[in-house]
Amino acid sequence: MIRATAMPTDLNPYGGVFGGWLMAQMALGAGALASRVGKGKAVVVHATDFTFPGAMQVGDELSVYCKIIVRGNTSLTIQAEGVGRERDGEATTKVSAGTFKFVMLDENDRPRQVDRNA
């Protein structure tokens, strides 16, 4: 869904990429999928099951992959996975994963039905 490069401002005090930055990137990717599939405004209402099995360094590229795992009446639950690629090579490592639940909203910011044909 998205790609981003880890910059010095994305590091924790120990020099590794901050887990909160990884979570935010996964939320952005999952939100983009929810809005595209739901054809409108989608807001995250729940985030869970975060894991950080690998590490990234400054300059590494993060790719976020997303898939819908549950379609509710007004919601989409999306699984996101972050894969880091070293800056100067092709080696990749799974660095993050999590699950996000989005509710689709209408023009009055009220929950609305998810189009079942989407």
N, C-alpha and C. Protein backbone atom coordinates (compact mmCIF):
# COMPACT_ATOMS: atom_id res chain seq x y z
N MET A 1 0.82 -1.20 0.00
CA MET A 1 0.00 0.00 0.00
C MET A 1 0.86 1.26 0.00
N ILE A 2 1.90 1.28 0.82
CA ILE A 2 2.77 2.46 0.86
C ILE A 2 4.22 2.04 1.08
N ARG A 3 5.11 2.98 0.76
CA ARG A 3 6.54 2.82 1.06
C ARG A 3 7.04 4.09 1.72
N ALA A 4 7.94 3.94 2.67
CA ALA A 4 8.53 5.09 3.35
C ALA A 4 9.96 4.74 3.74
N THR A 5 10.79 5.76 3.81
CA THR A 5 12.18 5.58 4.23
C THR A 5 12.33 6.07 5.66
N ALA A 6 12.93 5.26 6.50
CA ALA A 6 13.16 5.64 7.89
C ALA A 6 14.24 6.72 7.95
N MET A 7 13.92 7.81 8.61
CA MET A 7 14.82 8.96 8.72
C MET A 7 15.30 9.11 10.17
N PRO A 8 16.33 9.94 10.40
CA PRO A 8 16.85 10.09 11.78
C PRO A 8 15.78 10.51 12.79
N THR A 9 14.78 11.26 12.37
CA THR A 9 13.72 11.67 13.31
C THR A 9 12.81 10.51 13.70
N ASP A 10 12.92 9.37 13.03
CA ASP A 10 12.08 8.20 13.29
C ASP A 10 12.74 7.20 14.25
N LEU A 11 13.87 7.58 14.82
CA LEU A 11 14.62 6.67 15.68
C LEU A 11 14.24 6.81 17.14
N ASN A 12 14.41 5.73 17.89
CA ASN A 12 14.23 5.77 19.34
C ASN A 12 15.57 6.17 19.98
N PRO A 13 15.61 6.36 21.29
CA PRO A 13 16.86 6.79 21.94
C PRO A 13 18.02 5.80 21.79
N TYR A 14 17.73 4.57 21.39
CA TYR A 14 18.78 3.56 21.25
C TYR A 14 19.27 3.41 19.81
N GLY A 15 18.75 4.23 18.91
CA GLY A 15 19.23 4.23 17.53
C GLY A 15 18.47 3.35 16.57
N GLY A 16 17.46 2.62 17.05
CA GLY A 16 16.63 1.80 16.17
C GLY A 16 15.40 2.57 15.75
N VAL A 17 14.73 2.08 14.72
CA VAL A 17 13.50 2.72 14.26
C VAL A 17 12.42 2.52 15.33
N PHE A 18 11.78 3.62 15.72
CA PHE A 18 10.76 3.66 16.77
C PHE A 18 9.54 2.83 16.36
N GLY A 19 9.08 1.95 17.26
CA GLY A 19 7.91 1.12 16.97
C GLY A 19 6.66 1.93 16.68
N GLY A 20 6.53 3.10 17.31
CA GLY A 20 5.38 3.96 17.04
C GLY A 20 5.35 4.45 15.60
N TRP A 21 6.53 4.69 15.02
CA TRP A 21 6.60 5.09 13.61
C TRP A 21 6.13 3.94 12.73
N LEU A 22 6.54 2.73 13.05
CA LEU A 22 6.11 1.56 12.28
C LEU A 22 4.59 1.40 12.37
N MET A 23 4.03 1.57 13.57
CA MET A 23 2.59 1.46 13.76
C MET A 23 1.86 2.52 12.93
N ALA A 24 2.37 3.73 12.94
CA ALA A 24 1.74 4.81 12.17
C ALA A 24 1.76 4.53 10.68
N GLN A 25 2.87 4.01 10.18
CA GLN A 25 2.96 3.70 8.75
C GLN A 25 1.98 2.59 8.37
N MET A 26 1.84 1.58 9.25
CA MET A 26 0.87 0.52 8.98
C MET A 26 -0.55 1.07 9.00
N ALA A 27 -0.84 1.98 9.93
CA ALA A 27 -2.17 2.59 10.00
C ALA A 27 -2.46 3.40 8.73
N LEU A 28 -1.46 4.12 8.23
CA LEU A 28 -1.65 4.88 6.99
C LEU A 28 -1.96 3.95 5.81
N GLY A 29 -1.21 2.87 5.70
CA GLY A 29 -1.45 1.92 4.62
C GLY A 29 -2.80 1.25 4.73
N ALA A 30 -3.16 0.81 5.94
CA ALA A 30 -4.46 0.17 6.15
C ALA A 30 -5.60 1.16 5.89
N GLY A 31 -5.42 2.40 6.31
CA GLY A 31 -6.44 3.43 6.08
C GLY A 31 -6.64 3.72 4.60
N ALA A 32 -5.55 3.71 3.85
CA ALA A 32 -5.65 3.92 2.40
C ALA A 32 -6.47 2.80 1.75
N LEU A 33 -6.23 1.56 2.18
CA LEU A 33 -7.01 0.44 1.64
C LEU A 33 -8.47 0.54 2.05
N ALA A 34 -8.74 0.88 3.31
CA ALA A 34 -10.12 1.00 3.78
C ALA A 34 -10.87 2.07 3.00
N SER A 35 -10.25 3.22 2.78
CA SER A 35 -10.91 4.30 2.03
C SER A 35 -11.13 3.92 0.57
N ARG A 36 -10.16 3.23 -0.02
CA ARG A 36 -10.31 2.83 -1.42
C ARG A 36 -11.42 1.80 -1.59
N VAL A 37 -11.38 0.77 -0.77
CA VAL A 37 -12.39 -0.28 -0.88
C VAL A 37 -13.76 0.22 -0.42
N GLY A 38 -13.79 0.98 0.66
CA GLY A 38 -15.05 1.49 1.19
C GLY A 38 -15.58 2.70 0.46
N LYS A 39 -14.78 3.24 -0.44
CA LYS A 39 -15.17 4.39 -1.27
C LYS A 39 -15.61 5.59 -0.43
N GLY A 40 -14.76 5.95 0.54
CA GLY A 40 -15.09 7.11 1.35
C GLY A 40 -14.28 7.17 2.63
N LYS A 41 -14.76 8.00 3.53
CA LYS A 41 -14.07 8.24 4.79
C LYS A 41 -14.09 7.01 5.68
N ALA A 42 -12.91 6.68 6.18
CA ALA A 42 -12.78 5.54 7.09
C ALA A 42 -11.93 5.98 8.28
N VAL A 43 -12.38 5.65 9.49
CA VAL A 43 -11.62 6.00 10.69
C VAL A 43 -11.28 4.73 11.46
N VAL A 44 -10.08 4.72 12.01
CA VAL A 44 -9.65 3.56 12.80
C VAL A 44 -10.32 3.63 14.17
N VAL A 45 -10.90 2.52 14.58
CA VAL A 45 -11.57 2.45 15.88
C VAL A 45 -10.92 1.42 16.81
N HIS A 46 -10.04 0.60 16.24
CA HIS A 46 -9.41 -0.44 17.05
C HIS A 46 -8.12 -0.87 16.36
N ALA A 47 -7.08 -1.06 17.15
CA ALA A 47 -5.81 -1.56 16.63
C ALA A 47 -5.27 -2.57 17.64
N THR A 48 -4.81 -3.70 17.13
CA THR A 48 -4.40 -4.77 18.04
C THR A 48 -3.38 -5.69 17.38
N ASP A 49 -2.91 -6.63 18.16
CA ASP A 49 -2.04 -7.73 17.70
C ASP A 49 -0.73 -7.25 17.07
N PHE A 50 -0.13 -6.20 17.64
CA PHE A 50 1.12 -5.70 17.08
C PHE A 50 2.29 -6.59 17.46
N THR A 51 3.13 -6.87 16.48
CA THR A 51 4.37 -7.58 16.70
C THR A 51 5.47 -6.85 15.94
N PHE A 52 6.69 -6.97 16.45
CA PHE A 52 7.86 -6.34 15.84
C PHE A 52 8.98 -7.37 15.80
N PRO A 53 8.89 -8.30 14.85
CA PRO A 53 9.85 -9.41 14.82
C PRO A 53 11.24 -9.06 14.29
N GLY A 54 11.38 -7.91 13.65
CA GLY A 54 12.68 -7.55 13.10
C GLY A 54 13.00 -6.10 13.37
N ALA A 55 14.16 -5.66 12.94
CA ALA A 55 14.59 -4.28 13.19
C ALA A 55 14.95 -3.58 11.89
N MET A 56 14.78 -2.27 11.89
CA MET A 56 15.18 -1.42 10.77
C MET A 56 16.20 -0.40 11.26
N GLN A 57 17.00 0.08 10.33
CA GLN A 57 17.96 1.14 10.61
C GLN A 57 17.59 2.37 9.81
N VAL A 58 18.14 3.50 10.20
CA VAL A 58 17.88 4.73 9.46
C VAL A 58 18.31 4.53 8.00
N GLY A 59 17.47 5.01 7.09
CA GLY A 59 17.73 4.85 5.66
C GLY A 59 17.09 3.63 5.03
N ASP A 60 16.69 2.66 5.84
CA ASP A 60 16.02 1.47 5.29
C ASP A 60 14.65 1.85 4.77
N GLU A 61 14.18 1.11 3.79
CA GLU A 61 12.87 1.36 3.19
C GLU A 61 11.84 0.40 3.78
N LEU A 62 10.70 0.96 4.20
CA LEU A 62 9.60 0.16 4.73
C LEU A 62 8.52 0.04 3.67
N SER A 63 8.10 -1.17 3.38
CA SER A 63 6.94 -1.42 2.52
C SER A 63 5.84 -1.97 3.39
N VAL A 64 4.64 -1.40 3.27
CA VAL A 64 3.50 -1.86 4.05
C VAL A 64 2.52 -2.57 3.13
N TYR A 65 2.22 -3.81 3.45
CA TYR A 65 1.29 -4.64 2.69
C TYR A 65 0.03 -4.85 3.53
N CYS A 66 -1.14 -4.76 2.91
CA CYS A 66 -2.40 -4.85 3.65
C CYS A 66 -3.38 -5.76 2.94
N LYS A 67 -4.22 -6.42 3.74
CA LYS A 67 -5.32 -7.21 3.18
C LYS A 67 -6.50 -7.16 4.13
N ILE A 68 -7.68 -7.19 3.55
CA ILE A 68 -8.92 -7.21 4.33
C ILE A 68 -9.14 -8.63 4.83
N ILE A 69 -9.35 -8.75 6.14
CA ILE A 69 -9.58 -10.09 6.70
C ILE A 69 -11.01 -10.28 7.18
N VAL A 70 -11.73 -9.17 7.46
CA VAL A 70 -13.14 -9.26 7.87
C VAL A 70 -13.88 -8.06 7.27
N ARG A 71 -15.06 -8.34 6.70
CA ARG A 71 -15.97 -7.28 6.24
C ARG A 71 -17.20 -7.32 7.11
N GLY A 72 -17.39 -6.25 7.89
CA GLY A 72 -18.58 -6.15 8.72
C GLY A 72 -19.64 -5.33 8.02
N ASN A 73 -20.73 -5.01 8.72
CA ASN A 73 -21.79 -4.19 8.14
C ASN A 73 -21.31 -2.76 7.87
N THR A 74 -20.57 -2.19 8.82
CA THR A 74 -20.08 -0.82 8.67
C THR A 74 -18.56 -0.74 8.80
N SER A 75 -17.90 -1.88 8.88
CA SER A 75 -16.46 -1.87 9.16
C SER A 75 -15.67 -2.80 8.27
N LEU A 76 -14.38 -2.52 8.21
CA LEU A 76 -13.41 -3.37 7.54
C LEU A 76 -12.27 -3.62 8.52
N THR A 77 -11.90 -4.88 8.70
CA THR A 77 -10.75 -5.22 9.52
C THR A 77 -9.62 -5.59 8.58
N ILE A 78 -8.49 -4.93 8.78
CA ILE A 78 -7.37 -5.04 7.84
C ILE A 78 -6.12 -5.48 8.57
N GLN A 79 -5.46 -6.47 8.01
CA GLN A 79 -4.19 -6.94 8.52
C GLN A 79 -3.08 -6.22 7.75
N ALA A 80 -2.13 -5.65 8.48
CA ALA A 80 -1.02 -4.94 7.86
C ALA A 80 0.29 -5.61 8.25
N GLU A 81 1.23 -5.58 7.32
CA GLU A 81 2.55 -6.15 7.56
C GLU A 81 3.59 -5.19 7.02
N GLY A 82 4.62 -4.94 7.81
CA GLY A 82 5.71 -4.07 7.39
C GLY A 82 6.95 -4.90 7.09
N VAL A 83 7.53 -4.64 5.91
CA VAL A 83 8.75 -5.35 5.51
C VAL A 83 9.83 -4.30 5.24
N GLY A 84 10.94 -4.44 5.95
CA GLY A 84 12.05 -3.51 5.76
C GLY A 84 13.04 -4.05 4.74
N ARG A 85 13.56 -3.14 3.91
CA ARG A 85 14.61 -3.49 2.94
C ARG A 85 15.82 -2.64 3.25
N GLU A 86 16.96 -3.28 3.35
CA GLU A 86 18.18 -2.52 3.66
C GLU A 86 18.44 -1.48 2.58
N ARG A 87 18.98 -0.35 3.00
CA ARG A 87 19.15 0.80 2.11
C ARG A 87 20.02 0.48 0.90
N ASP A 88 21.10 -0.22 1.11
CA ASP A 88 22.06 -0.44 0.03
C ASP A 88 22.03 -1.85 -0.53
N GLY A 89 20.90 -2.51 -0.46
CA GLY A 89 20.83 -3.88 -0.95
C GLY A 89 19.41 -4.33 -1.16
N GLU A 90 19.25 -5.62 -1.28
CA GLU A 90 17.94 -6.21 -1.55
C GLU A 90 17.42 -7.07 -0.41
N ALA A 91 18.20 -7.24 0.64
CA ALA A 91 17.77 -8.08 1.76
C ALA A 91 16.56 -7.45 2.45
N THR A 92 15.55 -8.29 2.73
CA THR A 92 14.34 -7.82 3.40
C THR A 92 14.10 -8.60 4.68
N THR A 93 13.39 -7.95 5.61
CA THR A 93 13.04 -8.55 6.90
C THR A 93 11.65 -8.08 7.29
N LYS A 94 10.82 -9.01 7.75
CA LYS A 94 9.54 -8.61 8.32
C LYS A 94 9.83 -7.89 9.63
N VAL A 95 9.36 -6.63 9.73
CA VAL A 95 9.68 -5.83 10.91
C VAL A 95 8.46 -5.49 11.76
N SER A 96 7.26 -5.63 11.21
CA SER A 96 6.07 -5.28 11.99
C SER A 96 4.83 -5.94 11.41
N ALA A 97 3.82 -6.08 12.26
CA ALA A 97 2.51 -6.58 11.83
C ALA A 97 1.48 -6.09 12.83
N GLY A 98 0.26 -5.93 12.36
CA GLY A 98 -0.81 -5.51 13.23
C GLY A 98 -2.15 -5.58 12.53
N THR A 99 -3.21 -5.45 13.30
CA THR A 99 -4.57 -5.51 12.77
C THR A 99 -5.30 -4.22 13.13
N PHE A 100 -6.00 -3.67 12.14
CA PHE A 100 -6.73 -2.41 12.30
C PHE A 100 -8.18 -2.60 11.90
N LYS A 101 -9.09 -2.05 12.70
CA LYS A 101 -10.52 -2.06 12.35
C LYS A 101 -10.93 -0.63 12.03
N PHE A 102 -11.50 -0.45 10.85
CA PHE A 102 -11.97 0.85 10.39
C PHE A 102 -13.48 0.84 10.25
N VAL A 103 -14.13 1.94 10.62
CA VAL A 103 -15.55 2.12 10.40
C VAL A 103 -15.72 3.14 9.28
N MET A 104 -16.60 2.83 8.34
CA MET A 104 -16.89 3.74 7.24
C MET A 104 -17.89 4.79 7.72
N LEU A 105 -17.65 6.06 7.35
CA LEU A 105 -18.52 7.16 7.77
C LEU A 105 -19.17 7.85 6.58
N ASP A 106 -20.38 8.37 6.80
CA ASP A 106 -21.08 9.13 5.76
C ASP A 106 -20.69 10.60 5.85
N GLU A 107 -21.37 11.44 5.09
CA GLU A 107 -21.06 12.88 5.05
C GLU A 107 -21.33 13.59 6.38
N ASN A 108 -22.09 12.94 7.28
CA ASN A 108 -22.37 13.51 8.61
C ASN A 108 -21.54 12.84 9.71
N ASP A 109 -20.51 12.10 9.28
CA ASP A 109 -19.63 11.37 10.20
C ASP A 109 -20.37 10.35 11.05
N ARG A 110 -21.38 9.73 10.46
CA ARG A 110 -22.12 8.64 11.10
C ARG A 110 -21.74 7.33 10.39
N PRO A 111 -21.71 6.21 11.11
CA PRO A 111 -21.37 4.94 10.45
C PRO A 111 -22.33 4.65 9.30
N ARG A 112 -21.78 4.10 8.23
CA ARG A 112 -22.59 3.73 7.07
C ARG A 112 -22.21 2.32 6.61
N GLN A 113 -23.09 1.74 5.83
CA GLN A 113 -22.88 0.39 5.33
C GLN A 113 -21.65 0.32 4.41
N VAL A 114 -20.94 -0.80 4.49
CA VAL A 114 -19.85 -1.07 3.57
C VAL A 114 -20.47 -1.69 2.32
N ASP A 115 -20.11 -1.19 1.18
CA ASP A 115 -20.59 -1.74 -0.10
C ASP A 115 -20.10 -3.18 -0.23
N ARG A 116 -21.01 -4.12 -0.24
CA ARG A 116 -20.65 -5.55 -0.32
C ARG A 116 -20.06 -5.94 -1.67
N ASN A 117 -20.23 -5.11 -2.69
CA ASN A 117 -19.69 -5.41 -4.02
C ASN A 117 -18.28 -4.85 -4.19
N ALA A 118 -17.80 -4.14 -3.19
CA ALA A 118 -16.45 -3.52 -3.31
C ALA A 118 -15.37 -4.55 -3.09
